[in-house]
Each structure stands twice: as structure tokens, then as C-alpha cells.
Amino acid sequence: MPALISVLIAITLSLLITRIATEALTLTGLSRTSARFQARSAFTGTGFSTAESEAIVRHPLRRRIIMWLMFLGNAGFITVISSLVLTFVSTSSPGDGLSRLLYLFIGIGILWLIATNRAFNRILTRLVRKALRRWTDLDLHDYARLLHLKGKYQVTEIEVDEDNWLANKKLKELRLTDEGIAVLGIERQDRIYIGAPYGDTCIYPGDILIVYGRKTALLELDVRLGGIEGEDAHQKAVAIHQKIQQKQNNYGERAVKQK
């Protein structure tokens, strides 16, 4: 019986560890769905190769979380297997083995019901987040969710070349917001970073812009050349954004009328 209790304790700790890791990964910027998948994948040693996996490898804090999951997952797996072996090897009769198997299924069933209970999940999520907020310095926002980066929008870097349409112009001249593009920051060649630049900020060749907007618009802007061709591309991009805005406004008006 002690071995059976050890199995249930190990499973409980496994569920708790993956939950904590999920919240920790979420606080570093991963969406909750991706964080849950990566935490369970690392803990079980499955090792799926996805775009999120690459983002984790490049992120030092996420990488550290995954490394701990791998270590604890191996230890937990060994504990469960050894405890299961002891549970059924030490049985004195077939009836005793069946009763222990029944207790095991009942225990796992109870744990499953608790783990899938929404009210319990909400309470546990709050407790884990409070603990992480108090005892760690993890980022407390899920930027992928807040900026809808999984859809048509993304944050990316654009390196400005000399022949780029962006070069040697002030932000207010470019009117990128008319294209639905927001410049979040500028990194100069001397590594000076300008956060939330304003209209009079000039963009020079060699600058790296951190921009947010529709993926297709950002890709076009990255290769846009200067001169008349660039101005024509800007006007086309503005027209496309206006159409998108009109659709969004129409959708919003219909939603208000339906209420």
C-alpha cells in the first residue's frame, strides 16, 4: 500500500509541476495553449519540434524552465515505474493485486477529475501566478495573446538599408500608421535604443526598427525601395489598410446593432 500511495503522490506532483511550468512559460510571452503543450512535452520527454520549440531554445529563461522539466520528468517517471513494480510485486494473493489495481484506478480517476475541474483550475492558476509574481522576476504579460501574434499580426525587425524607402526620413514623413504599422522602437548602429519614437525621430541607414502590424504589410515594407516606386507602394498600402479599417468598422457597427 505505501508503494501505491507513492504512485499517486508522484502523479499529483507531476500534474502540479507541469501546471507551474505552464504558468511560468505563459508569463514569458507564450500563449497558454503553446505553454501547456511545451510543458507537457518536455516533462514527458516527447520532444516535439515546433516553431514554439525554436522560440524556447532562443529564450534563456524559457530554456531554463524546460531543462528543469526534463530533469524532473525523468526522475518522476522512474519513481512512478519503480513504485508500480513494488505495488504489484509485493502482493500476497491475486485478490490483493486486484484490489490494489482498483485503488490505483480510483486514485487516478479522482486526480483526473480534480485536474480537469474548472473552478479548481482557476484557483490553482491564481495561486501559482501569485507565487511566481512574488518569488520570481518573470514577465507578467502574455504578449503573444495581447498582440494577437498568432494571427495576421506580428512583431518583427526591419534593418534599414541605404536604398530603403525608410532611410533618412522622419517618422512623421513616413506616416506608417496610415498603413497600419506601428514603430515600437529603434536600435541605432551604436546600440542606442529609442523606445516609442515620436514623429520627429529620424530613421538612418543601419537602424533596426521594431515594428508591429500585419505580416504581409511588414514583409512589403522590409523590401520597399526609395523613390517614386516606394511612394506608389506606400499609397497602395494605405489604401489596403483603409479597406481593412472599413471592414472592421462595419463589423463593429453590426455588433452594436445586434446588442
C-alpha atoms as a PDB file:
ATOM      1  CA  MET A   1       0.000   0.000   0.000  1.00  0.00           C
ATOM      2  CA  PRO A   2       2.802   2.548   0.698  1.00  0.00           C
ATOM      3  CA  ALA A   3       4.090   1.976  -2.846  1.00  0.00           C
ATOM      4  CA  LEU A   4       0.600   2.681  -4.236  1.00  0.00           C
ATOM      5  CA  ILE A   5       0.435   5.918  -2.256  1.00  0.00           C
ATOM      6  CA  SER A   6       3.847   6.835  -3.676  1.00  0.00           C
ATOM      7  CA  VAL A   7       2.486   6.386  -7.207  1.00  0.00           C
ATOM      8  CA  LEU A   8      -0.454   8.710  -6.553  1.00  0.00           C
ATOM      9  CA  ILE A   9       1.807  11.290  -4.900  1.00  0.00           C
ATOM     10  CA  ALA A  10       4.199  11.166  -7.868  1.00  0.00           C
ATOM     11  CA  ILE A  11       1.314  11.678 -10.326  1.00  0.00           C
ATOM     12  CA  THR A  12      -0.030  14.566  -8.234  1.00  0.00           C
ATOM     13  CA  LEU A  13       3.386  16.242  -8.161  1.00  0.00           C
ATOM     14  CA  SER A  14       3.738  15.716 -11.915  1.00  0.00           C
ATOM     15  CA  LEU A  15       0.445  17.497 -12.561  1.00  0.00           C
ATOM     16  CA  LEU A  16       1.445  20.328 -10.228  1.00  0.00           C
ATOM     17  CA  ILE A  17       4.894  20.714 -11.788  1.00  0.00           C
ATOM     18  CA  THR A  18       3.527  20.919 -15.330  1.00  0.00           C
ATOM     19  CA  ARG A  19       0.919  23.439 -14.180  1.00  0.00           C
ATOM     20  CA  ILE A  20       3.571  25.668 -12.574  1.00  0.00           C
ATOM     21  CA  ALA A  21       5.756  25.370 -15.680  1.00  0.00           C
ATOM     22  CA  THR A  22       2.786  26.246 -17.911  1.00  0.00           C
ATOM     23  CA  GLU A  23       2.122  29.436 -15.964  1.00  0.00           C
ATOM     24  CA  ALA A  24       5.837  30.307 -15.925  1.00  0.00           C
ATOM     25  CA  LEU A  25       6.110  29.889 -19.707  1.00  0.00           C
ATOM     26  CA  THR A  26       2.912  31.901 -20.187  1.00  0.00           C
ATOM     27  CA  LEU A  27       4.406  34.773 -18.195  1.00  0.00           C
ATOM     28  CA  THR A  28       7.415  34.839 -20.531  1.00  0.00           C
ATOM     29  CA  GLY A  29       5.163  35.603 -23.503  1.00  0.00           C
ATOM     30  CA  LEU A  30       3.953  32.227 -24.806  1.00  0.00           C
ATOM     31  CA  SER A  31       0.254  31.705 -25.362  1.00  0.00           C
ATOM     32  CA  ARG A  32      -1.371  29.436 -22.777  1.00  0.00           C
ATOM     33  CA  THR A  33      -2.052  26.687 -25.334  1.00  0.00           C
ATOM     34  CA  SER A  34       1.563  26.629 -26.513  1.00  0.00           C
ATOM     35  CA  ALA A  35       2.907  26.837 -22.954  1.00  0.00           C
ATOM     36  CA  ARG A  36       0.780  23.871 -21.823  1.00  0.00           C
ATOM     37  CA  PHE A  37       1.865  21.814 -24.841  1.00  0.00           C
ATOM     38  CA  GLN A  38       5.572  22.584 -24.412  1.00  0.00           C
ATOM     39  CA  ALA A  39       5.499  21.938 -20.653  1.00  0.00           C
ATOM     40  CA  ARG A  40       3.876  18.526 -21.041  1.00  0.00           C
ATOM     41  CA  SER A  41       6.100  17.682 -23.988  1.00  0.00           C
ATOM     42  CA  ALA A  42       9.289  18.470 -22.058  1.00  0.00           C
ATOM     43  CA  PHE A  43       8.135  16.757 -18.859  1.00  0.00           C
ATOM     44  CA  THR A  44       7.225  13.539 -20.662  1.00  0.00           C
ATOM     45  CA  GLY A  45      10.312  13.653 -22.872  1.00  0.00           C
ATOM     46  CA  THR A  46       8.252  13.628 -26.070  1.00  0.00           C
ATOM     47  CA  GLY A  47      10.261  16.415 -27.671  1.00  0.00           C
ATOM     48  CA  PHE A  48       8.018  17.684 -30.472  1.00  0.00           C
ATOM     49  CA  SER A  49       9.743  20.023 -32.951  1.00  0.00           C
ATOM     50  CA  THR A  50       7.623  23.135 -33.493  1.00  0.00           C
ATOM     51  CA  ALA A  51       8.084  26.856 -34.082  1.00  0.00           C
ATOM     52  CA  GLU A  52       7.404  27.419 -30.372  1.00  0.00           C
ATOM     53  CA  SER A  53      10.213  24.983 -29.526  1.00  0.00           C
ATOM     54  CA  GLU A  54      12.644  27.128 -31.502  1.00  0.00           C
ATOM     55  CA  ALA A  55      11.416  30.227 -29.668  1.00  0.00           C
ATOM     56  CA  ILE A  56      12.052  28.448 -26.363  1.00  0.00           C
ATOM     57  CA  VAL A  57      15.600  27.440 -27.316  1.00  0.00           C
ATOM     58  CA  ARG A  58      16.466  31.055 -28.191  1.00  0.00           C
ATOM     59  CA  HIS A  59      14.952  32.393 -24.944  1.00  0.00           C
ATOM     60  CA  PRO A  60      17.287  31.807 -21.946  1.00  0.00           C
ATOM     61  CA  LEU A  61      14.573  31.860 -19.269  1.00  0.00           C
ATOM     62  CA  ARG A  62      12.236  29.532 -21.183  1.00  0.00           C
ATOM     63  CA  ARG A  63      15.173  27.238 -21.892  1.00  0.00           C
ATOM     64  CA  ARG A  64      15.953  27.026 -18.172  1.00  0.00           C
ATOM     65  CA  ILE A  65      12.317  26.148 -17.364  1.00  0.00           C
ATOM     66  CA  ILE A  66      12.317  23.390 -19.996  1.00  0.00           C
ATOM     67  CA  MET A  67      15.629  21.999 -18.716  1.00  0.00           C
ATOM     68  CA  TRP A  68      14.189  21.668 -15.197  1.00  0.00           C
ATOM     69  CA  LEU A  69      11.100  19.985 -16.634  1.00  0.00           C
ATOM     70  CA  MET A  70      13.263  17.450 -18.459  1.00  0.00           C
ATOM     71  CA  PHE A  71      15.201  16.677 -15.280  1.00  0.00           C
ATOM     72  CA  LEU A  72      12.134  16.396 -13.045  1.00  0.00           C
ATOM     73  CA  GLY A  73      10.252  14.445 -15.701  1.00  0.00           C
ATOM     74  CA  ASN A  74      12.919  11.740 -15.828  1.00  0.00           C
ATOM     75  CA  ALA A  75      13.027  11.494 -12.047  1.00  0.00           C
ATOM     76  CA  GLY A  76       9.239  11.360 -11.790  1.00  0.00           C
ATOM     77  CA  PHE A  77       8.921   8.693 -14.477  1.00  0.00           C
ATOM     78  CA  ILE A  78      11.442   6.463 -12.726  1.00  0.00           C
ATOM     79  CA  THR A  79       9.639   6.961  -9.397  1.00  0.00           C
ATOM     80  CA  VAL A  80       6.263   6.010 -10.858  1.00  0.00           C
ATOM     81  CA  ILE A  81       7.596   2.894 -12.598  1.00  0.00           C
ATOM     82  CA  SER A  82       9.515   1.662  -9.557  1.00  0.00           C
ATOM     83  CA  SER A  83       6.549   2.316  -7.251  1.00  0.00           C
ATOM     84  CA  LEU A  84       4.197   0.468  -9.621  1.00  0.00           C
ATOM     85  CA  VAL A  85       6.529  -2.523  -9.672  1.00  0.00           C
ATOM     86  CA  LEU A  86       6.676  -2.572  -5.868  1.00  0.00           C
ATOM     87  CA  THR A  87       2.895  -2.202  -5.670  1.00  0.00           C
ATOM     88  CA  PHE A  88       2.161  -5.402  -7.572  1.00  0.00           C
ATOM     89  CA  VAL A  89       5.274  -7.462  -6.792  1.00  0.00           C
ATOM     90  CA  SER A  90       4.605  -7.315  -3.079  1.00  0.00           C
ATOM     91  CA  THR A  91       1.050  -8.658  -3.355  1.00  0.00           C
ATOM     92  CA  SER A  92       0.339 -11.774  -1.287  1.00  0.00           C
ATOM     93  CA  SER A  93      -2.576 -13.024  -3.415  1.00  0.00           C
ATOM     94  CA  PRO A  94      -4.365 -12.358  -6.733  1.00  0.00           C
ATOM     95  CA  GLY A  95      -7.224 -10.733  -4.858  1.00  0.00           C
ATOM     96  CA  ASP A  96      -4.854  -8.341  -3.146  1.00  0.00           C
ATOM     97  CA  GLY A  97      -3.381  -7.382  -6.535  1.00  0.00           C
ATOM     98  CA  LEU A  98      -6.821  -6.709  -7.986  1.00  0.00           C
ATOM     99  CA  SER A  99      -7.811  -4.539  -5.023  1.00  0.00           C
ATOM    100  CA  ARG A 100      -4.613  -2.502  -5.383  1.00  0.00           C
ATOM    101  CA  LEU A 101      -5.285  -2.097  -9.111  1.00  0.00           C
ATOM    102  CA  LEU A 102      -8.799  -0.901  -8.280  1.00  0.00           C
ATOM    103  CA  TYR A 103      -7.424   1.604  -5.745  1.00  0.00           C
ATOM    104  CA  LEU A 104      -4.936   2.802  -8.358  1.00  0.00           C
ATOM    105  CA  PHE A 105      -7.689   3.431 -10.931  1.00  0.00           C
ATOM    106  CA  ILE A 106      -9.878   5.155  -8.341  1.00  0.00           C
ATOM    107  CA  GLY A 107      -6.979   7.373  -7.233  1.00  0.00           C
ATOM    108  CA  ILE A 108      -6.065   8.325 -10.820  1.00  0.00           C
ATOM    109  CA  GLY A 109      -9.741   8.986 -11.573  1.00  0.00           C
ATOM    110  CA  ILE A 110     -10.058  11.339  -8.604  1.00  0.00           C
ATOM    111  CA  LEU A 111      -6.862  13.166  -9.621  1.00  0.00           C
ATOM    112  CA  TRP A 112      -8.168  13.465 -13.186  1.00  0.00           C
ATOM    113  CA  LEU A 113     -11.482  14.916 -12.015  1.00  0.00           C
ATOM    114  CA  ILE A 114      -9.668  17.447  -9.843  1.00  0.00           C
ATOM    115  CA  ALA A 115      -7.202  18.366 -12.608  1.00  0.00           C
ATOM    116  CA  THR A 116      -9.991  18.973 -15.143  1.00  0.00           C
ATOM    117  CA  ASN A 117     -12.275  20.874 -12.760  1.00  0.00           C
ATOM    118  CA  ARG A 118     -12.575  24.476 -13.991  1.00  0.00           C
ATOM    119  CA  ALA A 119     -13.156  26.043 -10.584  1.00  0.00           C
ATOM    120  CA  PHE A 120     -10.150  24.246  -9.141  1.00  0.00           C
ATOM    121  CA  ASN A 121      -8.050  25.253 -12.166  1.00  0.00           C
ATOM    122  CA  ARG A 122      -8.948  28.916 -11.732  1.00  0.00           C
ATOM    123  CA  ILE A 123      -7.989  28.860  -8.054  1.00  0.00           C
ATOM    124  CA  LEU A 124      -4.749  26.986  -8.740  1.00  0.00           C
ATOM    125  CA  THR A 125      -3.833  29.348 -11.578  1.00  0.00           C
ATOM    126  CA  ARG A 126      -4.285  32.365  -9.283  1.00  0.00           C
ATOM    127  CA  LEU A 127      -2.150  30.786  -6.561  1.00  0.00           C
ATOM    128  CA  VAL A 128       0.620  29.820  -8.985  1.00  0.00           C
ATOM    129  CA  ARG A 129       0.638  33.271 -10.582  1.00  0.00           C
ATOM    130  CA  LYS A 130       0.822  34.972  -7.179  1.00  0.00           C
ATOM    131  CA  ALA A 131       3.713  32.742  -6.167  1.00  0.00           C
ATOM    132  CA  LEU A 132       5.586  33.379  -9.427  1.00  0.00           C
ATOM    133  CA  ARG A 133       4.925  37.112  -9.150  1.00  0.00           C
ATOM    134  CA  ARG A 134       6.205  37.180  -5.580  1.00  0.00           C
ATOM    135  CA  TRP A 135       9.274  34.952  -5.819  1.00  0.00           C
ATOM    136  CA  THR A 136      10.390  35.409  -9.445  1.00  0.00           C
ATOM    137  CA  ASP A 137      11.016  38.250 -11.870  1.00  0.00           C
ATOM    138  CA  LEU A 138       9.134  36.672 -14.771  1.00  0.00           C
ATOM    139  CA  ASP A 139       7.399  38.986 -17.218  1.00  0.00           C
ATOM    140  CA  LEU A 140       3.751  39.116 -16.183  1.00  0.00           C
ATOM    141  CA  HIS A 141       2.201  39.618 -19.623  1.00  0.00           C
ATOM    142  CA  ASP A 142       1.413  37.227 -22.442  1.00  0.00           C
ATOM    143  CA  TYR A 143       2.407  39.453 -25.342  1.00  0.00           C
ATOM    144  CA  ALA A 144       1.627  36.811 -27.966  1.00  0.00           C
ATOM    145  CA  ARG A 145      -2.005  36.844 -26.812  1.00  0.00           C
ATOM    146  CA  LEU A 146      -2.235  40.595 -26.175  1.00  0.00           C
ATOM    147  CA  LEU A 147      -0.937  41.495 -29.656  1.00  0.00           C
ATOM    148  CA  HIS A 148      -2.688  38.597 -31.446  1.00  0.00           C
ATOM    149  CA  LEU A 149       0.657  37.448 -32.822  1.00  0.00           C
ATOM    150  CA  LYS A 150      -0.730  34.030 -33.756  1.00  0.00           C
ATOM    151  CA  GLY A 151      -2.992  35.547 -36.413  1.00  0.00           C
ATOM    152  CA  LYS A 152      -2.246  38.016 -39.198  1.00  0.00           C
ATOM    153  CA  TYR A 153      -0.297  40.362 -36.925  1.00  0.00           C
ATOM    154  CA  GLN A 154       3.284  40.097 -35.737  1.00  0.00           C
ATOM    155  CA  VAL A 155       6.216  41.967 -34.223  1.00  0.00           C
ATOM    156  CA  THR A 156       9.387  41.880 -36.295  1.00  0.00           C
ATOM    157  CA  GLU A 157      12.658  43.699 -37.010  1.00  0.00           C
ATOM    158  CA  ILE A 158      13.406  45.639 -40.186  1.00  0.00           C
ATOM    159  CA  GLU A 159      17.003  46.569 -40.943  1.00  0.00           C
ATOM    160  CA  VAL A 160      17.120  49.804 -42.929  1.00  0.00           C
ATOM    161  CA  ASP A 161      19.407  49.802 -45.978  1.00  0.00           C
ATOM    162  CA  GLU A 162      20.571  52.926 -47.792  1.00  0.00           C
ATOM    163  CA  ASP A 163      18.244  52.306 -50.735  1.00  0.00           C
ATOM    164  CA  ASN A 164      15.266  51.507 -48.498  1.00  0.00           C
ATOM    165  CA  TRP A 165      12.221  53.780 -48.657  1.00  0.00           C
ATOM    166  CA  LEU A 166      12.511  54.334 -44.907  1.00  0.00           C
ATOM    167  CA  ALA A 167      16.068  55.689 -44.932  1.00  0.00           C
ATOM    168  CA  ASN A 168      16.856  59.309 -43.977  1.00  0.00           C
ATOM    169  CA  LYS A 169      13.247  60.249 -43.233  1.00  0.00           C
ATOM    170  CA  LYS A 170      11.396  61.311 -40.120  1.00  0.00           C
ATOM    171  CA  LEU A 171       8.580  59.130 -38.834  1.00  0.00           C
ATOM    172  CA  LYS A 172       6.012  61.853 -39.429  1.00  0.00           C
ATOM    173  CA  GLU A 173       7.043  61.974 -43.100  1.00  0.00           C
ATOM    174  CA  LEU A 174       6.610  58.232 -43.496  1.00  0.00           C
ATOM    175  CA  ARG A 175       3.099  58.134 -41.997  1.00  0.00           C
ATOM    176  CA  LEU A 176       3.423  54.416 -41.298  1.00  0.00           C
ATOM    177  CA  THR A 177       0.349  54.469 -39.064  1.00  0.00           C
ATOM    178  CA  ASP A 178      -1.689  55.147 -42.228  1.00  0.00           C
ATOM    179  CA  GLU A 179      -0.535  51.705 -43.370  1.00  0.00           C
ATOM    180  CA  GLY A 180      -1.474  50.138 -40.040  1.00  0.00           C
ATOM    181  CA  ILE A 181       2.148  49.821 -38.915  1.00  0.00           C
ATOM    182  CA  ALA A 182       3.410  50.962 -35.509  1.00  0.00           C
ATOM    183  CA  VAL A 183       7.105  51.551 -34.793  1.00  0.00           C
ATOM    184  CA  LEU A 184       7.710  50.276 -31.257  1.00  0.00           C
ATOM    185  CA  GLY A 185      11.400  51.070 -31.084  1.00  0.00           C
ATOM    186  CA  ILE A 186      14.601  51.847 -32.992  1.00  0.00           C
ATOM    187  CA  GLU A 187      18.026  50.355 -32.358  1.00  0.00           C
ATOM    188  CA  ARG A 188      20.841  52.528 -33.700  1.00  0.00           C
ATOM    189  CA  GLN A 189      24.133  51.181 -35.045  1.00  0.00           C
ATOM    190  CA  ASP A 190      25.858  52.316 -31.844  1.00  0.00           C
ATOM    191  CA  ARG A 191      23.414  50.077 -29.883  1.00  0.00           C
ATOM    192  CA  ILE A 192      21.462  53.051 -28.520  1.00  0.00           C
ATOM    193  CA  TYR A 193      17.804  52.067 -28.244  1.00  0.00           C
ATOM    194  CA  ILE A 194      14.951  54.539 -28.747  1.00  0.00           C
ATOM    195  CA  GLY A 195      11.694  53.258 -27.295  1.00  0.00           C
ATOM    196  CA  ALA A 196       8.319  54.543 -28.512  1.00  0.00           C
ATOM    197  CA  PRO A 197       9.868  57.010 -31.003  1.00  0.00           C
ATOM    198  CA  TYR A 198       7.902  60.167 -31.894  1.00  0.00           C
ATOM    199  CA  GLY A 199       7.255  61.967 -35.170  1.00  0.00           C
ATOM    200  CA  ASP A 200      10.486  63.976 -35.355  1.00  0.00           C
ATOM    201  CA  THR A 201      12.655  60.885 -34.851  1.00  0.00           C
ATOM    202  CA  CYS A 202      14.717  60.298 -37.989  1.00  0.00           C
ATOM    203  CA  ILE A 203      15.497  56.854 -39.399  1.00  0.00           C
ATOM    204  CA  TYR A 204      19.009  56.309 -40.709  1.00  0.00           C
ATOM    205  CA  PRO A 205      20.610  53.531 -42.784  1.00  0.00           C
ATOM    206  CA  GLY A 206      21.767  50.774 -40.461  1.00  0.00           C
ATOM    207  CA  ASP A 207      18.934  51.334 -37.971  1.00  0.00           C
ATOM    208  CA  ILE A 208      16.878  48.343 -36.888  1.00  0.00           C
ATOM    209  CA  LEU A 209      13.173  49.087 -36.483  1.00  0.00           C
ATOM    210  CA  ILE A 210      10.979  47.012 -34.177  1.00  0.00           C
ATOM    211  CA  VAL A 211       7.588  47.200 -35.836  1.00  0.00           C
ATOM    212  CA  TYR A 212       4.089  45.809 -35.278  1.00  0.00           C
ATOM    213  CA  GLY A 213       1.467  45.245 -37.935  1.00  0.00           C
ATOM    214  CA  ARG A 214       0.028  42.838 -40.463  1.00  0.00           C
ATOM    215  CA  LYS A 215       2.573  40.281 -41.627  1.00  0.00           C
ATOM    216  CA  THR A 216       2.065  40.999 -45.335  1.00  0.00           C
ATOM    217  CA  ALA A 217       2.437  44.749 -44.803  1.00  0.00           C
ATOM    218  CA  LEU A 218       5.660  44.306 -42.817  1.00  0.00           C
ATOM    219  CA  LEU A 219       7.162  41.986 -45.443  1.00  0.00           C
ATOM    220  CA  GLU A 220       6.432  44.516 -48.195  1.00  0.00           C
ATOM    221  CA  LEU A 221       7.845  47.409 -46.147  1.00  0.00           C
ATOM    222  CA  ASP A 222      11.062  45.495 -45.495  1.00  0.00           C
ATOM    223  CA  VAL A 223      11.897  45.320 -49.240  1.00  0.00           C
ATOM    224  CA  ARG A 224      10.355  48.640 -50.331  1.00  0.00           C
ATOM    225  CA  LEU A 225      12.778  50.777 -52.333  1.00  0.00           C
ATOM    226  CA  GLY A 226      13.003  54.554 -52.312  1.00  0.00           C
ATOM    227  CA  GLY A 227      11.900  56.998 -54.979  1.00  0.00           C
ATOM    228  CA  ILE A 228       8.619  57.129 -56.911  1.00  0.00           C
ATOM    229  CA  GLU A 229       8.229  53.352 -56.765  1.00  0.00           C
ATOM    230  CA  GLY A 230       8.374  53.457 -52.976  1.00  0.00           C
ATOM    231  CA  GLU A 231       5.817  56.269 -52.762  1.00  0.00           C
ATOM    232  CA  ASP A 232       3.433  54.318 -55.008  1.00  0.00           C
ATOM    233  CA  ALA A 233       3.852  51.259 -52.775  1.00  0.00           C
ATOM    234  CA  HIS A 234       3.089  53.446 -49.740  1.00  0.00           C
ATOM    235  CA  GLN A 235      -0.134  54.740 -51.299  1.00  0.00           C
ATOM    236  CA  LYS A 236      -1.230  51.202 -52.182  1.00  0.00           C
ATOM    237  CA  ALA A 237      -0.503  50.050 -48.622  1.00  0.00           C
ATOM    238  CA  VAL A 238      -2.541  52.962 -47.236  1.00  0.00           C
ATOM    239  CA  ALA A 239      -5.482  52.042 -49.498  1.00  0.00           C
ATOM    240  CA  ILE A 240      -5.346  48.398 -48.374  1.00  0.00           C
ATOM    241  CA  HIS A 241      -5.314  49.439 -44.718  1.00  0.00           C
ATOM    242  CA  GLN A 242      -8.276  51.777 -45.237  1.00  0.00           C
ATOM    243  CA  LYS A 243     -10.292  48.899 -46.713  1.00  0.00           C
ATOM    244  CA  ILE A 244      -9.413  46.723 -43.708  1.00  0.00           C
ATOM    245  CA  GLN A 245     -10.408  49.510 -41.336  1.00  0.00           C
ATOM    246  CA  GLN A 246     -13.715  49.941 -43.151  1.00  0.00           C
ATOM    247  CA  LYS A 247     -14.480  46.226 -42.798  1.00  0.00           C
ATOM    248  CA  GLN A 248     -13.612  46.383 -39.096  1.00  0.00           C
ATOM    249  CA  ASN A 249     -15.833  49.431 -38.608  1.00  0.00           C
ATOM    250  CA  ASN A 250     -18.728  47.748 -40.414  1.00  0.00           C
ATOM    251  CA  TYR A 251     -18.319  44.661 -38.258  1.00  0.00           C
ATOM    252  CA  GLY A 252     -18.278  46.795 -35.116  1.00  0.00           C
ATOM    253  CA  GLU A 253     -21.437  48.655 -36.140  1.00  0.00           C
ATOM    254  CA  ARG A 254     -23.272  45.369 -36.821  1.00  0.00           C
ATOM    255  CA  ALA A 255     -22.192  44.026 -33.446  1.00  0.00           C
ATOM    256  CA  VAL A 256     -23.531  47.142 -31.692  1.00  0.00           C
ATOM    257  CA  LYS A 257     -26.865  46.910 -33.539  1.00  0.00           C
ATOM    258  CA  GLN A 258     -27.261  43.240 -32.616  1.00  0.00           C
ATOM    259  CA  LYS A 259     -26.947  44.163 -28.928  1.00  0.00           C
END
